[in-house]
Structures are given as structure tokens and as C-alpha cells.
Amino acid sequence: MTKKEIVKQISEELDLTQLKTKEIVQRTLDAIIKTLVEEGRIELRNFGVFEVKRRAPRKARNPRTGDKVYVPAKNVVTFKPGKEMEELVRKMNPEDLPLLDEGSDADLVKDGSVEPSSEPPQTASPAGAETGESVRETT
């Protein structure tokens, strides 16, 4: 679902114009961003908690060239869903969800077990983002 679809749905439910609804939705999102930037945390009851955390600097390896790359520390936004959201998501029918990428820890046998992949996880990095190169962490 996109922001445009959310605006359309809310405007129909509340009998407001889409223009007014779009302004309300955008101001809400702007307030969330402003609070994160100024305070580093925002808690929305029955929804969840957004929090700014510092990701430590690390050494990584460019999988294409094998060169070691330094990835500097950076701020990231984390989200922890609230109890109500977790409960509703837990009750969803797994058949209605899209499959994860091949090689992920998906429940491919649909028996509840998860077989971890044998390959180490790949992470995208801002260091490789400008050039389009991906970076793999070293151990």
C-alpha cells in the first residue's frame, strides 16, 4: 500500500477531501520525523516505537574486488512493533504473504522450522551505495 492509497482510504472513511487528508497524513509523518531527529525516539501506543540508534563502524569486504572497505559509523532508525500489531500480524495467514528471497531463512517446508542458510548474510553499505557496489562484512 502506498501513501496515496492510504490517503484515498482515509478520505473515503471520514468523508474528507483527498487534499485535506493528504495534508493531515503528511503532517503526521513530518511530526514523526521531526521528533526522531530532535529526541531520537517516538512511541506510538498500540503501534510501536521508532528509535534512532548508532551503528558502529566496521570493516567489510567488497565481494567483487575482495578489497577491504571501512564502513563508518552511522545513525539508523529502528522500529519495534507494539503488542497489538504483533498479535494481528502473528494471526495472518502465511499463504497470503509473498515468499522471501531464495537463500533467506524462510520456512520452505511450511512446518514451522527454519533452516539457516549456509552463506553469511550480505549487507548493503553506504560506502558501496554511491558506486552501486555491495559490501560483505568480514569476520
Protein backbone atom coordinates (compact mmCIF):
# COMPACT_ATOMS: atom_id res chain seq x y z
CA MET A 1 0.00 0.00 0.00
CA THR A 2 1.25 3.47 -0.85
CA LYS A 3 0.73 6.79 0.90
CA LYS A 4 -1.64 7.77 -1.90
CA GLU A 5 -3.76 4.66 -1.26
CA ILE A 6 -3.79 5.36 2.49
CA VAL A 7 -4.97 8.93 1.81
CA LYS A 8 -7.72 7.69 -0.50
CA GLN A 9 -8.95 5.11 2.03
CA ILE A 10 -8.98 7.56 4.96
CA SER A 11 -10.64 10.30 2.92
CA GLU A 12 -13.44 7.92 1.94
CA GLU A 13 -13.89 6.62 5.51
CA LEU A 14 -14.01 10.10 7.06
CA ASP A 15 -15.73 11.85 4.18
CA LEU A 16 -12.90 14.36 3.76
CA THR A 17 -11.31 15.59 0.57
CA GLN A 18 -8.19 13.75 -0.53
CA LEU A 19 -6.30 17.04 -0.50
CA LYS A 20 -7.13 17.71 3.17
CA THR A 21 -6.46 14.07 4.11
CA LYS A 22 -3.11 14.14 2.30
CA GLU A 23 -2.11 17.24 4.29
CA ILE A 24 -3.06 15.54 7.59
CA VAL A 25 -1.18 12.34 6.73
CA GLN A 26 1.90 14.29 5.60
CA ARG A 27 1.91 16.45 8.73
CA THR A 28 1.69 13.31 10.85
CA LEU A 29 4.67 11.77 9.07
CA ASP A 30 6.59 15.06 9.30
CA ALA A 31 5.92 15.20 13.07
CA ILE A 32 7.27 11.64 13.47
CA ILE A 33 10.44 12.53 11.55
CA LYS A 34 10.91 15.81 13.47
CA THR A 35 10.55 14.02 16.81
CA LEU A 36 13.06 11.35 15.76
CA VAL A 37 15.59 13.98 14.71
CA GLU A 38 15.12 16.11 17.84
CA GLU A 39 14.56 13.45 20.51
CA GLY A 40 15.77 10.19 18.97
CA ARG A 41 12.65 8.24 19.94
CA ILE A 42 8.90 8.28 19.40
CA GLU A 43 6.41 5.88 20.94
CA LEU A 44 3.01 5.45 19.30
CA ARG A 45 0.75 3.42 21.61
CA ASN A 46 -0.73 0.27 20.02
CA PHE A 47 1.54 0.81 17.00
CA GLY A 48 5.19 0.72 18.01
CA VAL A 49 8.38 2.56 18.83
CA PHE A 50 10.71 4.25 16.35
CA GLU A 51 14.20 4.88 17.70
CA VAL A 52 17.44 6.30 16.31
CA LYS A 53 20.43 4.09 17.10
CA ARG A 54 24.12 4.41 16.28
CA ARG A 55 25.56 1.62 14.13
CA ALA A 56 29.24 1.08 14.98
CA PRO A 57 31.94 1.42 12.34
CA ARG A 58 33.06 -1.87 10.84
CA LYS A 59 35.40 -3.47 8.38
CA ALA A 60 33.81 -5.04 5.33
CA ARG A 61 34.91 -6.58 2.06
CA ASN A 62 33.86 -5.69 -1.45
CA PRO A 63 32.76 -9.08 -2.86
CA ARG A 64 33.58 -8.02 -6.43
CA THR A 65 37.19 -6.98 -5.84
CA GLY A 66 37.97 -8.56 -2.47
CA ASP A 67 39.27 -5.20 -1.22
CA LYS A 68 38.78 -4.36 2.43
CA VAL A 69 36.48 -1.41 2.98
CA TYR A 70 35.99 0.71 6.08
CA VAL A 71 32.33 1.42 6.75
CA PRO A 72 31.97 4.44 9.06
CA ALA A 73 29.55 4.65 11.96
CA LYS A 74 26.08 5.86 11.06
CA ASN A 75 22.68 6.58 12.55
CA VAL A 76 19.86 4.17 11.69
CA VAL A 77 16.15 4.17 12.51
CA THR A 78 14.82 1.04 14.19
CA PHE A 79 11.20 0.03 14.69
CA LYS A 80 9.78 -2.26 17.34
CA PRO A 81 6.12 -3.08 16.72
CA GLY A 82 3.61 -2.72 19.54
CA LYS A 83 1.83 -5.70 21.09
CA GLU A 84 -1.39 -5.12 19.16
CA MET A 85 0.41 -5.03 15.80
CA GLU A 86 2.47 -8.12 16.64
CA GLU A 87 -0.68 -10.03 17.61
CA LEU A 88 -2.52 -9.12 14.42
CA VAL A 89 0.49 -9.92 12.22
CA ARG A 90 1.02 -13.23 14.01
CA LYS A 91 -2.58 -14.22 13.19
CA MET A 92 -2.15 -13.53 9.45
CA ASN A 93 -2.38 -16.45 7.05
CA PRO A 94 1.19 -17.23 5.87
CA GLU A 95 -0.20 -18.34 2.50
CA ASP A 96 -1.21 -14.73 1.80
CA LEU A 97 2.35 -13.41 2.22
CA PRO A 98 4.99 -13.14 -0.53
CA LEU A 99 7.91 -15.56 -0.31
CA LEU A 100 11.25 -14.25 0.89
CA ASP A 101 14.25 -14.28 -1.44
CA GLU A 102 15.88 -17.62 -2.18
CA GLY A 103 18.63 -18.23 0.34
CA SER A 104 16.77 -16.50 3.15
CA ASP A 105 15.73 -18.23 6.34
CA ALA A 106 12.21 -18.83 5.02
CA ASP A 107 10.02 -21.72 6.13
CA LEU A 108 10.23 -23.53 2.81
CA VAL A 109 8.82 -26.82 4.11
CA LYS A 110 5.95 -24.98 5.80
CA ASP A 111 6.38 -26.99 9.00
CA GLY A 112 7.42 -24.07 11.21
CA SER A 113 11.10 -24.98 11.15
CA VAL A 114 13.67 -22.61 9.76
CA GLU A 115 16.84 -23.88 8.18
CA PRO A 116 19.53 -21.22 8.35
CA SER A 117 21.30 -20.53 5.08
CA SER A 118 24.90 -21.70 4.82
CA GLU A 119 26.14 -18.42 3.34
CA PRO A 120 26.94 -15.41 5.52
CA PRO A 121 24.43 -12.56 5.23
CA GLN A 122 25.23 -9.80 2.76
CA THR A 123 24.75 -6.23 3.84
CA ALA A 124 24.39 -3.13 1.74
CA SER A 125 26.60 -0.28 2.77
CA PRO A 126 26.62 3.45 2.26
CA ALA A 127 30.26 3.06 1.23
CA GLY A 128 29.20 0.98 -1.79
CA ALA A 129 25.86 2.71 -2.28
CA GLU A 130 27.29 5.60 -4.28
CA THR A 131 29.05 3.28 -6.74
CA GLY A 132 26.35 0.63 -6.77
CA GLU A 133 28.73 -1.94 -5.27
CA SER A 134 27.64 -4.14 -2.41
CA VAL A 135 29.84 -4.81 0.60
CA ARG A 136 30.19 -8.03 2.62
CA GLU A 137 31.27 -7.93 6.25
CA THR A 138 34.48 -9.69 7.24
CA THR A 139 34.79 -11.86 10.30
